Amino acid sequence: MTSISDFVSTYGASTTGTDTTKKSDSLGQADFLRLMTEQLQHQDPLNPMENSEFLGQLAQFSTVQGIQGLQTSMDGFKGSLATDQMLRGASLVGRSVLVPSAKMALGAEGSVNGVVAAPDAGTVTFDITDANGQSVRKITVQAEKAGEVAFEWDGKDASGNRLAAGTYGVTATIGSGETKKDLSTYVESRVDSVTVGSDGVFLDLAGLGTAPLDYVLRIR
């Protein structure tokens, strides 16, 4: 018995004799039914198609149509999600957001804020470094218990002099000696603009570069 795939390779997708200037790369429902009819007309009379085979081919076509419909729905959902993310990101322009970062952007005036998550009580030390990696200020904050510990840098060095605006590094540790542990730092920064890329929505942060929207932990 001839299958639809064999029939297509033998007779081609067009069986009506009508000339077409452009053929589709995929079979539609009408094409499938026309080929099914032709298959029935050209089947071997001594070995006709079984009902189960006929129903099986119809089921396969229905499955393919269902998958294509699902893909179309998913594409539409992805488009709506991307638009929603872009609008969410746009609403953040001009606001301060808290993101994970080992850098801080110091302006011409004002201070820089951030937090760490202390695993337990102890002394948290923040070490602020310049572009050359040289330490310019150390700040200690006492963590009374495990949890969030906030810090603020006024932009001054250890001698009390205001430093130039720019990007500075920051690291945090808790404890000392053998119990000393490194902590991840989270810094506040202003959102200057929003960029929509193939990988999602990214925020352009003042002095820190870009960060995915998903990195935002807090908005102020």
C-alpha atoms as a PDB file:
ATOM      1  CA  MET A   1       0.000   0.000   0.000  1.00  0.00           C
ATOM      2  CA  THR A   2       1.238   3.528  -0.820  1.00  0.00           C
ATOM      3  CA  SER A   3       1.647   5.923   2.089  1.00  0.00           C
ATOM      4  CA  ILE A   4       1.073   9.674   1.884  1.00  0.00           C
ATOM      5  CA  SER A   5       4.805  10.384   2.027  1.00  0.00           C
ATOM      6  CA  ASP A   6       5.396   7.942  -0.849  1.00  0.00           C
ATOM      7  CA  PHE A   7       2.537   9.485  -2.813  1.00  0.00           C
ATOM      8  CA  VAL A   8       3.892  13.023  -2.348  1.00  0.00           C
ATOM      9  CA  SER A   9       7.309  11.972  -3.610  1.00  0.00           C
ATOM     10  CA  THR A  10       5.714  10.272  -6.625  1.00  0.00           C
ATOM     11  CA  TYR A  11       2.906  12.630  -7.643  1.00  0.00           C
ATOM     12  CA  GLY A  12       3.941  15.921  -5.994  1.00  0.00           C
ATOM     13  CA  ALA A  13       1.901  18.196  -3.751  1.00  0.00           C
ATOM     14  CA  SER A  14      -0.245  19.579  -6.582  1.00  0.00           C
ATOM     15  CA  THR A  15      -2.722  17.046  -8.023  1.00  0.00           C
ATOM     16  CA  THR A  16      -5.409  19.268  -9.509  1.00  0.00           C
ATOM     17  CA  GLY A  17      -3.565  20.291 -12.657  1.00  0.00           C
ATOM     18  CA  THR A  18      -3.781  23.960 -11.712  1.00  0.00           C
ATOM     19  CA  ASP A  19      -0.564  25.938 -12.256  1.00  0.00           C
ATOM     20  CA  THR A  20       0.751  27.762  -9.201  1.00  0.00           C
ATOM     21  CA  THR A  21       3.519  30.309  -9.169  1.00  0.00           C
ATOM     22  CA  LYS A  22       4.408  29.695  -5.531  1.00  0.00           C
ATOM     23  CA  LYS A  23       4.011  26.523  -3.449  1.00  0.00           C
ATOM     24  CA  SER A  24       3.921  26.404   0.301  1.00  0.00           C
ATOM     25  CA  ASP A  25       6.753  24.621   2.061  1.00  0.00           C
ATOM     26  CA  SER A  26       4.257  22.831   4.323  1.00  0.00           C
ATOM     27  CA  LEU A  27       0.987  20.965   3.787  1.00  0.00           C
ATOM     28  CA  GLY A  28      -2.222  22.593   4.948  1.00  0.00           C
ATOM     29  CA  GLN A  29      -5.449  20.849   5.884  1.00  0.00           C
ATOM     30  CA  ALA A  30      -6.859  21.092   2.335  1.00  0.00           C
ATOM     31  CA  ASP A  31      -3.634  19.665   0.871  1.00  0.00           C
ATOM     32  CA  PHE A  32      -3.700  16.788   3.323  1.00  0.00           C
ATOM     33  CA  LEU A  33      -7.317  15.880   2.539  1.00  0.00           C
ATOM     34  CA  ARG A  34      -6.647  16.104  -1.211  1.00  0.00           C
ATOM     35  CA  LEU A  35      -3.655  13.793  -0.886  1.00  0.00           C
ATOM     36  CA  MET A  36      -5.668  11.424   1.274  1.00  0.00           C
ATOM     37  CA  THR A  37      -8.340  11.278  -1.434  1.00  0.00           C
ATOM     38  CA  GLU A  38      -5.743  10.635  -4.114  1.00  0.00           C
ATOM     39  CA  GLN A  39      -4.182   7.955  -1.961  1.00  0.00           C
ATOM     40  CA  LEU A  40      -7.541   6.186  -1.690  1.00  0.00           C
ATOM     41  CA  GLN A  41      -8.046   6.443  -5.457  1.00  0.00           C
ATOM     42  CA  HIS A  42      -4.604   5.036  -6.244  1.00  0.00           C
ATOM     43  CA  GLN A  43      -4.481   2.292  -3.630  1.00  0.00           C
ATOM     44  CA  ASP A  44      -3.972  -1.296  -4.663  1.00  0.00           C
ATOM     45  CA  PRO A  45      -7.435  -2.923  -5.046  1.00  0.00           C
ATOM     46  CA  LEU A  46      -5.920  -6.231  -3.953  1.00  0.00           C
ATOM     47  CA  ASN A  47      -4.427  -4.658  -0.855  1.00  0.00           C
ATOM     48  CA  PRO A  48      -6.705  -1.766   0.193  1.00  0.00           C
ATOM     49  CA  MET A  49      -5.949   0.551   3.081  1.00  0.00           C
ATOM     50  CA  GLU A  50      -7.113  -0.682   6.462  1.00  0.00           C
ATOM     51  CA  ASN A  51      -9.423   1.560   8.480  1.00  0.00           C
ATOM     52  CA  SER A  52      -6.885   1.652  11.279  1.00  0.00           C
ATOM     53  CA  GLU A  53      -4.198   3.004   8.907  1.00  0.00           C
ATOM     54  CA  PHE A  54      -6.552   5.668   7.590  1.00  0.00           C
ATOM     55  CA  LEU A  55      -7.510   6.767  11.104  1.00  0.00           C
ATOM     56  CA  GLY A  56      -3.853   6.657  12.165  1.00  0.00           C
ATOM     57  CA  GLN A  57      -2.858   9.095   9.430  1.00  0.00           C
ATOM     58  CA  LEU A  58      -5.733  11.416  10.376  1.00  0.00           C
ATOM     59  CA  ALA A  59      -4.608  11.259  14.002  1.00  0.00           C
ATOM     60  CA  GLN A  60      -1.026  12.110  13.013  1.00  0.00           C
ATOM     61  CA  PHE A  61      -2.188  15.129  11.044  1.00  0.00           C
ATOM     62  CA  SER A  62      -4.373  16.309  13.936  1.00  0.00           C
ATOM     63  CA  THR A  63      -1.391  15.962  16.281  1.00  0.00           C
ATOM     64  CA  VAL A  64       0.813  18.062  14.003  1.00  0.00           C
ATOM     65  CA  GLN A  65      -1.903  20.714  13.711  1.00  0.00           C
ATOM     66  CA  GLY A  66      -2.236  20.779  17.499  1.00  0.00           C
ATOM     67  CA  ILE A  67       1.506  21.259  17.961  1.00  0.00           C
ATOM     68  CA  GLN A  68       1.547  24.081  15.407  1.00  0.00           C
ATOM     69  CA  GLY A  69      -1.376  25.764  17.160  1.00  0.00           C
ATOM     70  CA  LEU A  70       0.389  25.421  20.511  1.00  0.00           C
ATOM     71  CA  GLN A  71       3.561  26.926  19.065  1.00  0.00           C
ATOM     72  CA  THR A  72       1.603  29.903  17.729  1.00  0.00           C
ATOM     73  CA  SER A  73       0.019  30.427  21.138  1.00  0.00           C
ATOM     74  CA  MET A  74       3.416  30.197  22.857  1.00  0.00           C
ATOM     75  CA  ASP A  75       4.923  32.741  20.452  1.00  0.00           C
ATOM     76  CA  GLY A  76       2.085  35.131  21.260  1.00  0.00           C
ATOM     77  CA  PHE A  77       2.585  34.569  24.984  1.00  0.00           C
ATOM     78  CA  LYS A  78       6.329  35.247  24.675  1.00  0.00           C
ATOM     79  CA  GLY A  79       5.613  38.489  22.829  1.00  0.00           C
ATOM     80  CA  SER A  80       3.173  39.633  25.517  1.00  0.00           C
ATOM     81  CA  LEU A  81       5.646  38.705  28.249  1.00  0.00           C
ATOM     82  CA  ALA A  82       8.446  40.670  26.567  1.00  0.00           C
ATOM     83  CA  THR A  83       6.189  43.734  26.282  1.00  0.00           C
ATOM     84  CA  ASP A  84       5.208  43.432  29.929  1.00  0.00           C
ATOM     85  CA  GLN A  85       8.852  43.200  30.998  1.00  0.00           C
ATOM     86  CA  MET A  86       9.743  46.256  28.919  1.00  0.00           C
ATOM     87  CA  LEU A  87       6.975  48.294  30.553  1.00  0.00           C
ATOM     88  CA  ARG A  88       8.072  47.134  33.989  1.00  0.00           C
ATOM     89  CA  GLY A  89      11.642  48.103  33.204  1.00  0.00           C
ATOM     90  CA  ALA A  90      10.632  51.518  31.841  1.00  0.00           C
ATOM     91  CA  SER A  91       8.827  52.306  35.094  1.00  0.00           C
ATOM     92  CA  LEU A  92      12.161  51.953  36.923  1.00  0.00           C
ATOM     93  CA  VAL A  93      13.957  54.732  35.020  1.00  0.00           C
ATOM     94  CA  GLY A  94      15.114  57.390  37.499  1.00  0.00           C
ATOM     95  CA  ARG A  95      14.617  55.129  40.515  1.00  0.00           C
ATOM     96  CA  SER A  96      17.237  53.539  42.749  1.00  0.00           C
ATOM     97  CA  VAL A  97      17.425  49.759  42.699  1.00  0.00           C
ATOM     98  CA  LEU A  98      19.353  47.297  44.831  1.00  0.00           C
ATOM     99  CA  VAL A  99      21.385  44.816  42.763  1.00  0.00           C
ATOM    100  CA  PRO A 100      24.242  42.395  43.474  1.00  0.00           C
ATOM    101  CA  SER A 101      27.486  44.189  42.675  1.00  0.00           C
ATOM    102  CA  ALA A 102      31.120  44.378  43.758  1.00  0.00           C
ATOM    103  CA  LYS A 103      31.280  47.977  42.463  1.00  0.00           C
ATOM    104  CA  MET A 104      29.830  51.283  43.650  1.00  0.00           C
ATOM    105  CA  ALA A 105      29.259  54.459  41.654  1.00  0.00           C
ATOM    106  CA  LEU A 106      30.121  57.586  43.632  1.00  0.00           C
ATOM    107  CA  GLY A 107      28.623  60.834  42.391  1.00  0.00           C
ATOM    108  CA  ALA A 108      29.941  64.368  42.750  1.00  0.00           C
ATOM    109  CA  GLU A 109      27.941  64.600  45.964  1.00  0.00           C
ATOM    110  CA  GLY A 110      25.918  62.346  48.212  1.00  0.00           C
ATOM    111  CA  SER A 111      26.628  58.872  49.521  1.00  0.00           C
ATOM    112  CA  VAL A 112      26.362  55.256  48.388  1.00  0.00           C
ATOM    113  CA  ASN A 113      24.227  52.652  50.138  1.00  0.00           C
ATOM    114  CA  GLY A 114      24.252  48.894  50.138  1.00  0.00           C
ATOM    115  CA  VAL A 115      23.580  45.760  52.169  1.00  0.00           C
ATOM    116  CA  VAL A 116      24.971  42.310  52.883  1.00  0.00           C
ATOM    117  CA  ALA A 117      23.328  39.215  54.317  1.00  0.00           C
ATOM    118  CA  ALA A 118      25.156  38.255  57.519  1.00  0.00           C
ATOM    119  CA  PRO A 119      25.055  34.519  58.318  1.00  0.00           C
ATOM    120  CA  ASP A 120      25.235  35.221  62.043  1.00  0.00           C
ATOM    121  CA  ALA A 121      26.140  37.904  64.574  1.00  0.00           C
ATOM    122  CA  GLY A 122      29.550  39.537  64.284  1.00  0.00           C
ATOM    123  CA  THR A 123      31.524  42.462  62.943  1.00  0.00           C
ATOM    124  CA  VAL A 124      31.069  43.123  59.225  1.00  0.00           C
ATOM    125  CA  THR A 125      33.942  44.963  57.545  1.00  0.00           C
ATOM    126  CA  PHE A 126      33.481  46.777  54.244  1.00  0.00           C
ATOM    127  CA  ASP A 127      36.649  47.514  52.291  1.00  0.00           C
ATOM    128  CA  ILE A 128      36.315  50.205  49.610  1.00  0.00           C
ATOM    129  CA  THR A 129      38.983  50.336  46.903  1.00  0.00           C
ATOM    130  CA  ASP A 130      39.843  52.711  44.061  1.00  0.00           C
ATOM    131  CA  ALA A 131      40.363  51.914  40.373  1.00  0.00           C
ATOM    132  CA  ASN A 132      43.892  50.636  41.157  1.00  0.00           C
ATOM    133  CA  GLY A 133      42.639  48.250  43.821  1.00  0.00           C
ATOM    134  CA  GLN A 134      44.065  50.342  46.646  1.00  0.00           C
ATOM    135  CA  SER A 135      42.004  50.496  49.841  1.00  0.00           C
ATOM    136  CA  VAL A 136      40.682  54.014  50.476  1.00  0.00           C
ATOM    137  CA  ARG A 137      38.268  53.372  53.339  1.00  0.00           C
ATOM    138  CA  LYS A 138      37.190  50.620  55.704  1.00  0.00           C
ATOM    139  CA  ILE A 139      33.782  50.686  57.370  1.00  0.00           C
ATOM    140  CA  THR A 140      32.729  48.346  60.171  1.00  0.00           C
ATOM    141  CA  VAL A 141      29.139  47.555  61.098  1.00  0.00           C
ATOM    142  CA  GLN A 142      28.042  45.323  63.947  1.00  0.00           C
ATOM    143  CA  ALA A 143      25.571  42.597  63.033  1.00  0.00           C
ATOM    144  CA  GLU A 144      23.467  41.781  66.100  1.00  0.00           C
ATOM    145  CA  LYS A 145      22.088  38.627  64.512  1.00  0.00           C
ATOM    146  CA  ALA A 146      21.867  36.806  61.208  1.00  0.00           C
ATOM    147  CA  GLY A 147      20.138  38.826  58.522  1.00  0.00           C
ATOM    148  CA  GLU A 148      20.465  41.965  56.466  1.00  0.00           C
ATOM    149  CA  VAL A 149      23.148  44.476  57.412  1.00  0.00           C
ATOM    150  CA  ALA A 150      23.057  47.903  55.764  1.00  0.00           C
ATOM    151  CA  PHE A 151      26.049  50.146  55.143  1.00  0.00           C
ATOM    152  CA  GLU A 152      26.536  53.679  53.862  1.00  0.00           C
ATOM    153  CA  TRP A 153      29.662  55.261  52.406  1.00  0.00           C
ATOM    154  CA  ASP A 154      29.806  59.062  52.469  1.00  0.00           C
ATOM    155  CA  GLY A 155      32.360  59.176  49.642  1.00  0.00           C
ATOM    156  CA  LYS A 156      35.274  60.141  51.921  1.00  0.00           C
ATOM    157  CA  ASP A 157      38.600  58.404  52.420  1.00  0.00           C
ATOM    158  CA  ALA A 158      40.115  57.372  55.749  1.00  0.00           C
ATOM    159  CA  SER A 159      41.386  60.967  56.299  1.00  0.00           C
ATOM    160  CA  GLY A 160      37.941  62.482  55.759  1.00  0.00           C
ATOM    161  CA  ASN A 161      38.664  63.876  52.296  1.00  0.00           C
ATOM    162  CA  ARG A 162      35.943  63.723  49.657  1.00  0.00           C
ATOM    163  CA  LEU A 163      37.032  61.455  46.805  1.00  0.00           C
ATOM    164  CA  ALA A 164      36.485  62.098  43.114  1.00  0.00           C
ATOM    165  CA  ALA A 165      33.333  60.861  41.469  1.00  0.00           C
ATOM    166  CA  GLY A 166      33.757  57.500  39.784  1.00  0.00           C
ATOM    167  CA  THR A 167      33.485  53.761  40.220  1.00  0.00           C
ATOM    168  CA  TYR A 168      34.903  52.104  43.316  1.00  0.00           C
ATOM    169  CA  GLY A 169      35.150  48.494  44.403  1.00  0.00           C
ATOM    170  CA  VAL A 170      33.664  47.075  47.582  1.00  0.00           C
ATOM    171  CA  THR A 171      34.145  43.790  49.424  1.00  0.00           C
ATOM    172  CA  ALA A 172      32.657  42.611  52.705  1.00  0.00           C
ATOM    173  CA  THR A 173      33.750  40.100  55.323  1.00  0.00           C
ATOM    174  CA  ILE A 174      32.435  39.024  58.693  1.00  0.00           C
ATOM    175  CA  GLY A 175      34.544  37.895  61.636  1.00  0.00           C
ATOM    176  CA  SER A 176      38.321  37.615  61.742  1.00  0.00           C
ATOM    177  CA  GLY A 177      41.080  35.041  61.640  1.00  0.00           C
ATOM    178  CA  GLU A 178      39.944  31.493  60.924  1.00  0.00           C
ATOM    179  CA  THR A 179      36.273  32.460  61.286  1.00  0.00           C
ATOM    180  CA  LYS A 180      36.494  35.199  58.658  1.00  0.00           C
ATOM    181  CA  LYS A 181      33.956  34.781  55.843  1.00  0.00           C
ATOM    182  CA  ASP A 182      33.477  36.632  52.570  1.00  0.00           C
ATOM    183  CA  LEU A 183      30.013  38.105  51.956  1.00  0.00           C
ATOM    184  CA  SER A 184      28.269  39.091  48.728  1.00  0.00           C
ATOM    185  CA  THR A 185      27.534  42.812  48.465  1.00  0.00           C
ATOM    186  CA  TYR A 186      24.379  44.457  47.139  1.00  0.00           C
ATOM    187  CA  VAL A 187      24.547  48.086  46.066  1.00  0.00           C
ATOM    188  CA  GLU A 188      21.980  50.767  45.276  1.00  0.00           C
ATOM    189  CA  SER A 189      22.247  52.472  41.910  1.00  0.00           C
ATOM    190  CA  ARG A 190      20.086  54.770  39.763  1.00  0.00           C
ATOM    191  CA  VAL A 191      18.450  53.354  36.630  1.00  0.00           C
ATOM    192  CA  ASP A 192      19.362  55.591  33.675  1.00  0.00           C
ATOM    193  CA  SER A 193      17.627  53.650  30.888  1.00  0.00           C
ATOM    194  CA  VAL A 194      16.261  50.273  29.841  1.00  0.00           C
ATOM    195  CA  THR A 195      17.546  48.029  27.058  1.00  0.00           C
ATOM    196  CA  VAL A 196      15.495  45.241  25.490  1.00  0.00           C
ATOM    197  CA  GLY A 197      17.690  42.459  24.086  1.00  0.00           C
ATOM    198  CA  SER A 198      17.254  38.931  22.800  1.00  0.00           C
ATOM    199  CA  ASP A 199      17.965  37.637  26.321  1.00  0.00           C
ATOM    200  CA  GLY A 200      15.413  39.860  28.038  1.00  0.00           C
ATOM    201  CA  VAL A 201      15.253  43.292  29.648  1.00  0.00           C
ATOM    202  CA  PHE A 202      18.410  44.926  31.000  1.00  0.00           C
ATOM    203  CA  LEU A 203      18.734  48.006  33.186  1.00  0.00           C
ATOM    204  CA  ASP A 204      21.463  50.547  32.465  1.00  0.00           C
ATOM    205  CA  LEU A 205      22.735  51.501  35.925  1.00  0.00           C
ATOM    206  CA  ALA A 206      24.654  54.706  36.595  1.00  0.00           C
ATOM    207  CA  GLY A 207      28.356  53.875  36.846  1.00  0.00           C
ATOM    208  CA  LEU A 208      27.770  50.111  37.038  1.00  0.00           C
ATOM    209  CA  GLY A 209      26.864  49.113  33.489  1.00  0.00           C
ATOM    210  CA  THR A 210      23.919  46.817  32.748  1.00  0.00           C
ATOM    211  CA  ALA A 211      22.100  44.271  34.881  1.00  0.00           C
ATOM    212  CA  PRO A 212      19.183  41.947  34.058  1.00  0.00           C
ATOM    213  CA  LEU A 213      15.811  43.032  35.368  1.00  0.00           C
ATOM    214  CA  ASP A 214      15.665  39.803  37.368  1.00  0.00           C
ATOM    215  CA  TYR A 215      18.669  40.958  39.426  1.00  0.00           C
ATOM    216  CA  VAL A 216      16.687  43.741  41.098  1.00  0.00           C
ATOM    217  CA  LEU A 217      16.122  42.900  44.768  1.00  0.00           C
ATOM    218  CA  ARG A 218      14.613  46.172  45.935  1.00  0.00           C
ATOM    219  CA  ILE A 219      13.291  49.405  44.440  1.00  0.00           C
ATOM    220  CA  ARG A 220      13.497  52.785  46.149  1.00  0.00           C
END
